Amino acid sequence: MLINMHNDGGKFFMKLKAQKRERLGTSASKQARVDKKIPAVVFGKEFDSTAVLIDSKEFEDLLRSEGRNAVFNIDIDGKETQVIIKNVDRSALKPEYYNVELQAITKGQKVTVTVTIVPNGAEEIKEGILTQTLNELEVETEPANIPSEIELDVSELVIGDTVTVSELTVPENVTVLSDPESTVIVISAPQLEEETDEDAEVAEPEVIGEDKTEE
C-alpha cells in the first residue's frame, strides 16, 4: 500500500513496498508483469544492488502524484531506503512497465535530475512566434530541494528576444549543470508566404456565350 510519511526535516515522502525477487530472467519478468508487478533494481554507492518487485498500480499512483523526479522511501522486506527514480523502461504501445531503476540515496547526498522548463504568458506576447528550443534543465541538488518544474515568464518578450539557460531563475541550493549559453526560448517574426508565379498569374475569364468564330 502506498502511504505518506515524513523525514526528520518534516518534508513528506511517499513510501512504496517492495519484495526481493526470488526468480530472475525473461520468463520471470513476464510472469511478474502478468501479476501486475514491475521488475525493478535498487542500487547506490552504499547500497548493494538488489532486484525487487513493486506493485504496478502503486508505482503509477506515485508517478501521478509526485512526478518523474519523485523521491520516496522503498520498503524492501521491512527495511526502508530513500530512493529516486533514475530510469523507467516502458512499452510505447501499451501502459506496461518493463523495468524500473531506483537509486538509493544516503543522507546529505546530492542527485542529478532533469527538470521541465515551463514558459508562462505565451498568450500575452503581442507580436512574434515563440519557439522553445530546450525543454529540460539538468540540475544537481539534495532530494528535498528538487523543483517540480522551472517556470519562465515570457509575456514581455518581443521579436528578436532570446532567453538562455543563464537567465533562468532556479531555487536556492540548486546547481544548474546545463550549458549556461544554451538557448531556451526564441521569439521570431512571423514568416510571410511568398507569392508564387502561379499565384501572380490570374487567368483571363472566358465570356460565356461569346462568339469565337471568325467573321
Protein backbone atom coordinates (compact mmCIF):
# COMPACT_ATOMS: atom_id res chain seq x y z
CA MET A 1 0.00 0.00 0.00
CA LEU A 2 1.28 3.49 -0.93
CA ILE A 3 1.32 5.78 2.10
CA ASN A 4 2.68 9.18 3.16
CA MET A 5 5.50 9.51 5.64
CA HIS A 6 7.90 12.33 6.54
CA ASN A 7 11.60 12.60 7.23
CA ASP A 8 13.33 14.38 10.09
CA GLY A 9 13.01 17.72 8.31
CA GLY A 10 9.24 17.47 8.15
CA LYS A 11 9.04 17.04 4.36
CA PHE A 12 6.59 14.38 3.31
CA PHE A 13 7.78 11.47 1.17
CA MET A 14 5.79 8.57 -0.19
CA LYS A 15 6.56 5.00 0.83
CA LEU A 16 6.38 2.11 -1.60
CA LYS A 17 6.57 -1.52 -0.57
CA ALA A 18 8.74 -3.98 -2.49
CA GLN A 19 9.82 -7.58 -2.22
CA LYS A 20 13.08 -9.18 -3.26
CA ARG A 21 12.90 -11.14 -6.48
CA GLU A 22 13.30 -14.85 -5.98
CA ARG A 23 13.41 -15.60 -9.71
CA LEU A 24 15.26 -13.66 -12.41
CA GLY A 25 15.26 -13.85 -16.18
CA THR A 26 12.91 -13.04 -19.05
CA SER A 27 10.22 -15.59 -18.22
CA ALA A 28 10.15 -14.48 -14.58
CA SER A 29 9.82 -10.85 -15.65
CA LYS A 30 6.93 -11.68 -17.97
CA GLN A 31 5.15 -13.54 -15.19
CA ALA A 32 5.71 -10.60 -12.84
CA ARG A 33 4.01 -8.24 -15.29
CA VAL A 34 1.10 -10.67 -15.64
CA ASP A 35 0.79 -10.48 -11.84
CA LYS A 36 0.70 -6.64 -12.06
CA LYS A 37 4.21 -6.32 -10.68
CA ILE A 38 7.14 -4.34 -12.13
CA PRO A 39 10.69 -5.77 -12.08
CA ALA A 40 12.97 -3.15 -10.54
CA VAL A 41 16.52 -2.81 -9.30
CA VAL A 42 17.72 -0.66 -6.39
CA PHE A 43 21.38 0.43 -6.43
CA GLY A 44 23.62 3.06 -4.85
CA LYS A 45 27.09 3.99 -3.64
CA GLU A 46 26.48 2.44 -0.23
CA PHE A 47 23.74 0.03 -1.24
CA ASP A 48 24.18 -3.45 -2.68
CA SER A 49 22.31 -3.74 -5.97
CA THR A 50 19.05 -5.54 -5.23
CA ALA A 51 16.44 -6.90 -7.65
CA VAL A 52 12.89 -6.33 -6.41
CA LEU A 53 9.26 -6.34 -7.48
CA ILE A 54 6.97 -3.34 -6.98
CA ASP A 55 3.23 -3.05 -7.44
CA SER A 56 2.34 -1.58 -10.84
CA LYS A 57 -0.67 0.44 -9.69
CA GLU A 58 1.14 1.85 -6.65
CA PHE A 59 4.06 2.94 -8.85
CA GLU A 60 1.69 4.59 -11.33
CA ASP A 61 -0.07 6.39 -8.45
CA LEU A 62 3.30 7.61 -7.18
CA LEU A 63 4.31 8.94 -10.61
CA ARG A 64 0.94 10.65 -10.98
CA SER A 65 1.24 12.23 -7.55
CA GLU A 66 4.94 13.09 -7.33
CA GLY A 67 6.16 13.20 -10.94
CA ARG A 68 9.19 11.73 -12.72
CA ASN A 69 11.62 13.16 -10.13
CA ALA A 70 9.81 11.53 -7.23
CA VAL A 71 11.85 10.95 -4.08
CA PHE A 72 10.34 8.28 -1.86
CA ASN A 73 11.10 5.55 0.63
CA ILE A 74 11.06 1.97 -0.54
CA ASP A 75 10.39 -0.77 1.98
CA ILE A 76 12.23 -3.94 0.95
CA ASP A 77 11.01 -6.75 3.18
CA GLY A 78 10.80 -4.41 6.18
CA LYS A 79 13.98 -2.38 5.55
CA GLU A 80 13.41 1.18 4.33
CA THR A 81 15.69 3.10 1.97
CA GLN A 82 15.20 6.51 0.38
CA VAL A 83 15.40 6.35 -3.42
CA ILE A 84 14.96 8.40 -6.57
CA ILE A 85 13.83 7.19 -9.99
CA LYS A 86 16.78 7.02 -12.38
CA ASN A 87 15.22 5.22 -15.33
CA VAL A 88 11.85 3.88 -16.42
CA ASP A 89 11.60 1.40 -19.29
CA ARG A 90 8.03 1.12 -20.55
CA SER A 91 6.12 -0.05 -23.59
CA ALA A 92 5.43 2.52 -26.29
CA LEU A 93 2.24 0.79 -27.36
CA LYS A 94 0.51 -0.05 -24.09
CA PRO A 95 0.55 1.08 -20.44
CA GLU A 96 3.07 -1.51 -19.28
CA TYR A 97 6.40 -1.05 -17.49
CA TYR A 98 9.26 -3.38 -18.39
CA ASN A 99 11.76 -2.29 -15.77
CA VAL A 100 12.48 0.48 -13.26
CA GLU A 101 15.86 1.61 -11.90
CA LEU A 102 15.92 3.21 -8.45
CA GLN A 103 18.97 4.92 -6.95
CA ALA A 104 19.40 4.63 -3.19
CA ILE A 105 20.30 7.94 -1.55
CA THR A 106 22.50 8.37 1.50
CA LYS A 107 21.96 11.25 3.93
CA GLY A 108 23.31 14.52 2.54
CA GLN A 109 23.92 13.07 -0.92
CA LYS A 110 23.14 15.27 -3.93
CA VAL A 111 21.48 13.85 -7.02
CA THR A 112 21.43 14.86 -10.68
CA VAL A 113 17.99 15.16 -12.28
CA THR A 114 16.31 16.84 -15.27
CA VAL A 115 13.55 19.35 -14.58
CA THR A 116 10.95 20.53 -17.09
CA ILE A 117 11.12 24.19 -18.19
CA VAL A 118 7.64 25.75 -18.36
CA PRO A 119 7.12 29.10 -20.19
CA ASN A 120 4.26 31.19 -18.79
CA GLY A 121 2.44 34.04 -20.53
CA ALA A 122 2.95 32.98 -24.14
CA GLU A 123 -0.63 34.03 -24.93
CA GLU A 124 0.24 37.60 -23.89
CA ILE A 125 3.01 38.05 -26.47
CA LYS A 126 1.72 40.82 -28.74
CA GLU A 127 3.83 40.03 -31.78
CA GLY A 128 6.14 37.21 -32.76
CA ILE A 129 6.34 33.43 -32.67
CA LEU A 130 7.65 31.67 -29.57
CA THR A 131 9.88 28.65 -30.08
CA GLN A 132 11.13 26.63 -27.12
CA THR A 133 14.43 25.00 -28.08
CA LEU A 134 15.24 23.50 -24.67
CA ASN A 135 12.54 21.70 -22.68
CA GLU A 136 14.50 20.33 -19.72
CA LEU A 137 17.21 21.60 -17.40
CA GLU A 138 19.80 19.34 -15.81
CA VAL A 139 20.39 20.26 -12.17
CA GLU A 140 22.12 18.93 -9.06
CA THR A 141 20.66 19.26 -5.59
CA GLU A 142 19.65 17.36 -2.48
CA PRO A 143 16.47 15.27 -2.88
CA ALA A 144 14.37 17.52 -0.66
CA ASN A 145 15.16 20.54 -2.87
CA ILE A 146 14.30 19.09 -6.28
CA PRO A 147 11.93 21.56 -8.00
CA SER A 148 8.90 20.10 -9.75
CA GLU A 149 9.50 22.48 -12.69
CA ILE A 150 11.34 25.66 -13.68
CA GLU A 151 8.93 28.45 -14.62
CA LEU A 152 9.81 31.26 -17.04
CA ASP A 153 7.75 34.43 -17.67
CA VAL A 154 7.74 35.15 -21.42
CA SER A 155 4.84 37.63 -21.53
CA GLU A 156 7.06 40.71 -22.08
CA LEU A 157 9.28 39.22 -24.79
CA VAL A 158 9.31 40.76 -28.27
CA ILE A 159 10.61 39.79 -31.71
CA GLY A 160 14.35 39.19 -31.59
CA ASP A 161 14.45 38.31 -27.88
CA THR A 162 16.10 35.11 -26.70
CA VAL A 163 16.39 33.50 -23.27
CA THR A 164 19.39 31.37 -22.36
CA VAL A 165 19.93 28.92 -19.51
CA SER A 166 21.95 31.51 -17.59
CA GLU A 167 18.88 33.78 -17.46
CA LEU A 168 16.61 31.21 -15.80
CA THR A 169 15.70 31.65 -12.14
CA VAL A 170 16.26 28.49 -10.10
CA PRO A 171 15.65 27.86 -6.39
CA GLU A 172 18.42 28.23 -3.84
CA ASN A 173 20.60 25.17 -3.22
CA VAL A 174 20.03 24.05 -6.82
CA THR A 175 23.06 23.95 -9.15
CA VAL A 176 22.44 24.14 -12.90
CA LEU A 177 24.54 21.68 -14.91
CA SER A 178 23.21 22.52 -18.38
CA ASP A 179 25.32 24.77 -20.63
CA PRO A 180 24.57 28.36 -19.49
CA GLU A 181 24.79 29.58 -23.09
CA SER A 182 22.18 27.13 -24.39
CA THR A 183 19.12 28.87 -25.84
CA VAL A 184 15.80 28.11 -24.17
CA ILE A 185 13.37 30.50 -25.87
CA VAL A 186 13.44 32.39 -29.18
CA ILE A 187 10.89 34.98 -30.33
CA SER A 188 10.93 35.27 -34.12
CA ALA A 189 8.94 37.27 -36.65
CA PRO A 190 6.06 35.52 -38.42
CA GLN A 191 7.06 34.27 -41.85
CA LEU A 192 5.11 35.79 -44.73
CA GLU A 193 4.14 33.47 -47.52
CA GLU A 194 5.98 34.38 -50.70
CA GLU A 195 3.81 35.00 -53.74
CA THR A 196 4.48 32.37 -56.39
CA ASP A 197 4.33 32.91 -60.14
CA GLU A 198 1.21 30.77 -60.22
CA ASP A 199 -0.43 32.99 -57.60
CA ALA A 200 0.52 36.11 -59.56
CA GLU A 201 -0.90 34.87 -62.81
CA VAL A 202 -4.65 35.35 -62.97
CA ALA A 203 -6.35 33.52 -65.80
CA GLU A 204 -8.47 35.72 -68.02
CA PRO A 205 -12.10 34.65 -67.56
CA GLU A 206 -13.89 33.17 -70.50
CA VAL A 207 -17.05 35.01 -71.50
CA ILE A 208 -19.87 32.56 -71.73
CA GLY A 209 -21.75 32.82 -74.99
CA GLU A 210 -19.01 34.79 -76.74
CA ASP A 211 -18.87 34.06 -80.44
CA LYS A 212 -15.35 32.76 -81.15
CA THR A 213 -15.90 32.23 -84.91
CA GLU A 214 -14.02 34.47 -87.27
CA GLU A 215 -16.06 36.89 -89.29
